[in-house]
Each structure stands twice: as C-alpha cells, then as structure tokens.
C-alpha cells in the first residue's frame, strides 16, 4: 500500500486557481483516478470544516478547512 500526502493549498492552486472549493477536491480525485497508474482505493480527509461555508451560524470555521470568501 502506498500513501500520498497532498497539501490542500496545492490542490486548490492546481484545480481551482487557488479558490477554496469542494469541487477542487472532487476534480483532484477524478484526475487521480484517471491518471495515476494505480487508482486510490481509499481517501482520508483530515481537518476542520463546517457545513456553514458562509458563516451564517458564526462558527468562523469555513468549508474545506478554510473560509471560502
């Protein structure tokens, strides 16, 4: 089993021009599945996140580990 550690900022830069977006993560996973010699069987996402990306609840924790402003 091989492990790849991907920095989220690098992922955002590559797949959404630096914009913090859940779509960037999805696009990365699609790209990895189609371009890596061995497609990932498991994915583990670690970090703080919220289901309130626009901070309506005042939690100050944004979607995908950072504010999506």
Protein backbone atom coordinates (compact mmCIF):
# COMPACT_ATOMS: atom_id res chain seq x y z
CA UNK A 1 0.00 0.00 0.00
CA UNK A 2 1.33 3.45 -0.93
CA UNK A 3 0.37 6.70 0.74
CA UNK A 4 0.25 10.16 -0.84
CA UNK A 5 0.02 13.29 1.28
CA UNK A 6 -1.43 16.22 -0.67
CA UNK A 7 -1.29 19.77 0.70
CA UNK A 8 -4.75 21.32 0.36
CA UNK A 9 -3.33 24.67 -0.81
CA UNK A 10 -1.50 22.91 -3.66
CA UNK A 11 -4.71 21.10 -4.57
CA UNK A 12 -6.68 24.37 -4.63
CA UNK A 13 -3.98 26.05 -6.73
CA UNK A 14 -3.98 23.25 -9.28
CA UNK A 15 -7.70 22.52 -9.57
CA UNK A 16 -9.49 25.80 -8.79
CA UNK A 17 -6.90 28.56 -9.34
CA UNK A 18 -6.45 28.97 -5.59
CA UNK A 19 -10.16 29.27 -4.80
CA UNK A 20 -11.19 27.18 -1.82
CA UNK A 21 -13.86 24.93 -3.23
CA UNK A 22 -15.12 21.40 -2.60
CA UNK A 23 -15.22 20.99 -6.38
CA UNK A 24 -11.41 21.27 -6.42
CA UNK A 25 -11.21 18.18 -4.19
CA UNK A 26 -13.66 16.32 -6.40
CA UNK A 27 -11.73 17.30 -9.54
CA UNK A 28 -8.48 16.13 -7.95
CA UNK A 29 -9.98 12.74 -7.11
CA UNK A 30 -11.35 12.33 -10.64
CA UNK A 31 -7.97 13.29 -12.09
CA UNK A 32 -6.11 10.92 -9.79
CA UNK A 33 -8.44 8.06 -10.69
CA UNK A 34 -7.92 8.53 -14.41
CA UNK A 35 -4.21 9.49 -14.46
CA UNK A 36 -2.47 7.55 -11.68
CA UNK A 37 -1.11 4.16 -12.58
CA UNK A 38 -2.89 2.67 -9.56
CA UNK A 39 -6.11 4.45 -8.67
CA UNK A 40 -6.64 5.26 -5.00
CA UNK A 41 -8.81 2.76 -3.17
CA UNK A 42 -9.28 4.88 -0.05
CA UNK A 43 -9.24 8.60 0.71
CA UNK A 44 -8.88 10.12 4.17
CA UNK A 45 -9.64 13.82 4.58
CA UNK A 46 -8.42 15.36 7.82
CA UNK A 47 -9.02 18.86 9.14
CA UNK A 48 -11.55 21.35 10.41
CA UNK A 49 -14.58 22.10 8.28
CA UNK A 50 -18.14 23.29 8.50
CA UNK A 51 -21.43 22.80 6.74
CA UNK A 52 -21.84 26.59 7.06
CA UNK A 53 -19.36 27.95 4.45
CA UNK A 54 -20.86 31.45 4.51
CA UNK A 55 -20.65 31.62 8.28
CA UNK A 56 -24.39 32.19 8.84
CA UNK A 57 -24.04 30.50 12.23
CA UNK A 58 -20.94 32.49 13.23
CA UNK A 59 -18.71 29.44 13.69
CA UNK A 60 -15.69 31.04 11.93
CA UNK A 61 -14.68 27.64 10.50
CA UNK A 62 -15.12 27.53 6.74
CA UNK A 63 -15.85 24.78 4.27
CA UNK A 64 -12.88 22.55 3.39
CA UNK A 65 -10.65 23.78 6.21
CA UNK A 66 -10.70 27.48 5.38
CA UNK A 67 -13.05 30.40 4.76
CA UNK A 68 -14.50 30.29 1.24
CA UNK A 69 -14.66 34.10 0.92
